[in-house]
Amino acid sequence: MSGVVVEQFKGDLRDLMPLFQLSTGCDKPAIEKLIRIEETKGTEYGVIRLGGQAVGFIGIYIDENLGVRELEQCQVIDLAVLPEFQGKGFSRLLMDWAVNKVKAAGERIIWLYTGAASERNVAVYTKLGFELKAVMPDFWGEGEGKAWFRLEIGAPQPDNGIENS
């Protein structure tokens, strides 16, 4: 993993379609809608590239409207690593990048949610230091329930192996 870095993604987010599909499980039209929403909101994306190929990414939304932060705190929007690159610590690198963005914004809490039925995702976010705060039904539709996680920056982070979410 030596020399692997997370860089700020500056291109067309549609170029990351395989990672969006892995992260969301959605089809291309739904992801294109998601991309438009995240671009409008100002979500920032970090990417790991190996040999020119994007192999992992993370999206972090930081509300720049100071008066609203209590309602819309920093949130991880997407996190995915291609299957053949999982288990190499890339999720940790990506999350560290996001945490540094949040710290630089003067914030100290990050939220995220994932499918509650995904034991793998729940395990990964726990290993990354997130605390499970709630499991709720899918209030967007007929999908699976959502597991909501919170990370307080500055809290001790576990130093153990990482799988991909």
Protein backbone atom coordinates (compact mmCIF):
# COMPACT_ATOMS: atom_id res chain seq x y z
CA MET A 1 0.00 0.00 0.00
CA SER A 2 3.07 2.21 0.06
CA GLY A 3 2.66 5.22 -2.18
CA VAL A 4 -1.12 4.90 -2.44
CA VAL A 5 -2.80 8.27 -1.98
CA VAL A 6 -6.30 9.68 -2.05
CA GLU A 7 -6.65 12.61 -4.41
CA GLN A 8 -9.44 15.14 -4.73
CA PHE A 9 -11.56 14.09 -7.71
CA LYS A 10 -11.87 16.93 -10.21
CA GLY A 11 -13.36 15.22 -13.28
CA ASP A 12 -16.78 14.13 -14.44
CA LEU A 13 -18.32 12.02 -11.68
CA ARG A 14 -19.90 9.81 -14.35
CA ASP A 15 -16.38 8.47 -14.93
CA LEU A 16 -16.75 6.80 -11.51
CA MET A 17 -19.94 4.95 -12.50
CA PRO A 18 -18.64 1.45 -11.51
CA LEU A 19 -17.84 2.74 -8.01
CA PHE A 20 -21.21 4.50 -7.71
CA GLN A 21 -22.93 1.26 -8.76
CA LEU A 22 -20.97 -0.67 -6.14
CA SER A 23 -21.71 1.91 -3.45
CA THR A 24 -25.41 2.37 -4.14
CA GLY A 25 -26.58 -0.75 -5.96
CA CYS A 26 -28.58 1.57 -8.23
CA ASP A 27 -28.91 1.57 -12.00
CA LYS A 28 -27.30 4.16 -14.24
CA PRO A 29 -30.31 6.57 -14.48
CA ALA A 30 -30.67 6.65 -10.69
CA ILE A 31 -26.94 7.25 -10.24
CA GLU A 32 -26.98 10.07 -12.78
CA LYS A 33 -29.74 11.71 -10.71
CA LEU A 34 -27.70 11.16 -7.53
CA ILE A 35 -24.65 12.72 -9.19
CA ARG A 36 -26.66 15.82 -10.14
CA ILE A 37 -27.88 16.16 -6.55
CA GLU A 38 -24.41 15.73 -5.04
CA GLU A 39 -22.85 18.16 -7.53
CA THR A 40 -25.53 20.73 -6.65
CA LYS A 41 -24.94 20.23 -2.92
CA GLY A 42 -21.16 20.49 -3.32
CA THR A 43 -20.26 17.00 -2.13
CA GLU A 44 -16.51 16.45 -2.51
CA TYR A 45 -15.10 13.15 -3.72
CA GLY A 46 -11.74 11.58 -3.04
CA VAL A 47 -10.42 8.80 -5.25
CA ILE A 48 -7.65 6.20 -5.17
CA ARG A 49 -6.16 5.44 -8.56
CA LEU A 50 -3.86 2.56 -9.41
CA GLY A 51 -2.40 2.44 -12.89
CA GLY A 52 -4.79 5.21 -13.94
CA GLN A 53 -7.86 3.22 -12.83
CA ALA A 54 -10.13 4.54 -10.08
CA VAL A 55 -10.26 1.63 -7.61
CA GLY A 56 -11.90 3.34 -4.64
CA PHE A 57 -13.76 6.51 -3.77
CA ILE A 58 -15.49 8.39 -1.00
CA GLY A 59 -17.93 11.30 -1.04
CA ILE A 60 -18.12 13.72 1.88
CA TYR A 61 -20.76 16.42 2.24
CA ILE A 62 -19.90 19.35 4.48
CA ASP A 63 -22.64 21.95 4.84
CA GLU A 64 -21.07 25.35 4.25
CA ASN A 65 -24.14 27.19 5.59
CA LEU A 66 -23.02 27.67 9.17
CA GLY A 67 -26.49 28.22 10.58
CA VAL A 68 -27.79 24.90 9.30
CA ARG A 69 -25.04 22.55 10.46
CA GLU A 70 -26.98 21.36 13.47
CA LEU A 71 -29.53 19.92 11.07
CA GLU A 72 -27.27 18.76 8.23
CA GLN A 73 -23.93 17.79 9.69
CA CYS A 74 -21.05 16.32 7.74
CA GLN A 75 -22.04 13.10 6.04
CA VAL A 76 -20.25 10.37 4.12
CA ILE A 77 -22.31 9.99 0.95
CA ASP A 78 -20.50 7.12 -0.79
CA LEU A 79 -17.65 4.74 -0.01
CA ALA A 80 -16.63 1.91 -2.30
CA VAL A 81 -13.56 -0.08 -3.28
CA LEU A 82 -13.57 -2.39 -6.30
CA PRO A 83 -13.78 -6.04 -5.15
CA GLU A 84 -10.32 -7.02 -6.40
CA PHE A 85 -8.78 -4.23 -4.26
CA GLN A 86 -10.70 -4.86 -1.03
CA GLY A 87 -8.95 -5.89 2.16
CA LYS A 88 -5.90 -3.70 1.47
CA GLY A 89 -6.71 -0.79 3.78
CA PHE A 90 -8.12 1.46 1.06
CA SER A 91 -11.35 2.12 2.99
CA ARG A 92 -9.24 3.41 5.89
CA LEU A 93 -7.24 5.70 3.55
CA LEU A 94 -10.44 7.05 2.00
CA MET A 95 -12.08 7.64 5.38
CA ASP A 96 -8.93 9.36 6.69
CA TRP A 97 -9.13 11.71 3.71
CA ALA A 98 -12.77 12.51 4.54
CA VAL A 99 -11.99 13.00 8.23
CA ASN A 100 -9.23 15.45 7.33
CA LYS A 101 -11.70 17.41 5.16
CA VAL A 102 -14.14 17.58 8.08
CA LYS A 103 -11.40 18.67 10.51
CA ALA A 104 -10.27 21.38 8.08
CA ALA A 105 -13.86 22.69 8.03
CA GLY A 106 -13.77 22.96 11.82
CA GLU A 107 -16.28 20.18 12.35
CA ARG A 108 -15.99 17.13 14.59
CA ILE A 109 -18.93 14.82 13.77
CA ILE A 110 -19.55 12.69 10.68
CA TRP A 111 -22.72 10.74 9.97
CA LEU A 112 -23.41 8.02 7.45
CA TYR A 113 -25.97 5.37 6.79
CA THR A 114 -25.82 2.01 5.09
CA GLY A 115 -28.10 -0.92 4.45
CA ALA A 116 -28.83 -2.49 7.81
CA ALA A 117 -28.81 -5.99 6.30
CA SER A 118 -25.23 -5.62 5.09
CA GLU A 119 -23.20 -7.24 7.84
CA ARG A 120 -20.04 -6.44 5.90
CA ASN A 121 -20.79 -2.70 5.75
CA VAL A 122 -21.76 -2.61 9.41
CA ALA A 123 -18.48 -4.35 10.31
CA VAL A 124 -16.39 -2.03 8.13
CA TYR A 125 -17.86 1.16 9.56
CA THR A 126 -17.43 -0.17 13.08
CA LYS A 127 -13.75 -0.95 12.33
CA LEU A 128 -13.37 2.57 10.99
CA GLY A 129 -14.44 3.92 14.39
CA PHE A 130 -18.09 4.72 13.72
CA GLU A 131 -20.68 4.01 16.40
CA LEU A 132 -24.01 2.49 15.39
CA LYS A 133 -26.67 4.95 16.57
CA ALA A 134 -29.92 3.67 15.08
CA VAL A 135 -31.49 1.13 12.76
CA MET A 136 -34.64 2.33 11.04
CA PRO A 137 -36.99 1.13 8.33
CA ASP A 138 -36.34 2.48 4.84
CA PHE A 139 -38.36 5.68 4.93
CA TRP A 140 -37.55 6.36 1.23
CA GLY A 141 -39.43 3.35 -0.05
CA GLU A 142 -39.64 -0.40 0.10
CA GLY A 143 -35.91 -1.06 0.46
CA GLU A 144 -34.03 -2.53 3.38
CA GLY A 145 -33.70 -0.73 6.68
CA LYS A 146 -30.91 1.76 7.28
CA ALA A 147 -28.17 1.56 9.88
CA TRP A 148 -27.11 5.06 10.96
CA PHE A 149 -23.55 5.58 12.21
CA ARG A 150 -21.75 8.49 13.86
CA LEU A 151 -18.05 9.24 14.21
CA GLU A 152 -16.85 11.83 16.67
CA ILE A 153 -13.51 13.08 15.44
CA GLY A 154 -10.94 13.01 18.17
CA ALA A 155 -12.36 9.80 19.64
CA PRO A 156 -9.84 6.93 19.68
CA GLN A 157 -9.76 5.10 16.33
CA PRO A 158 -9.31 1.33 16.22
CA ASP A 159 -6.14 0.19 14.48
CA ASN A 160 -7.13 -3.06 12.84
CA GLY A 161 -7.66 -4.66 9.44
CA ILE A 162 -10.14 -3.16 7.02
CA GLU A 163 -12.50 -4.75 4.58
CA ASN A 164 -14.41 -2.78 2.00
CA SER A 165 -17.89 -1.45 2.41
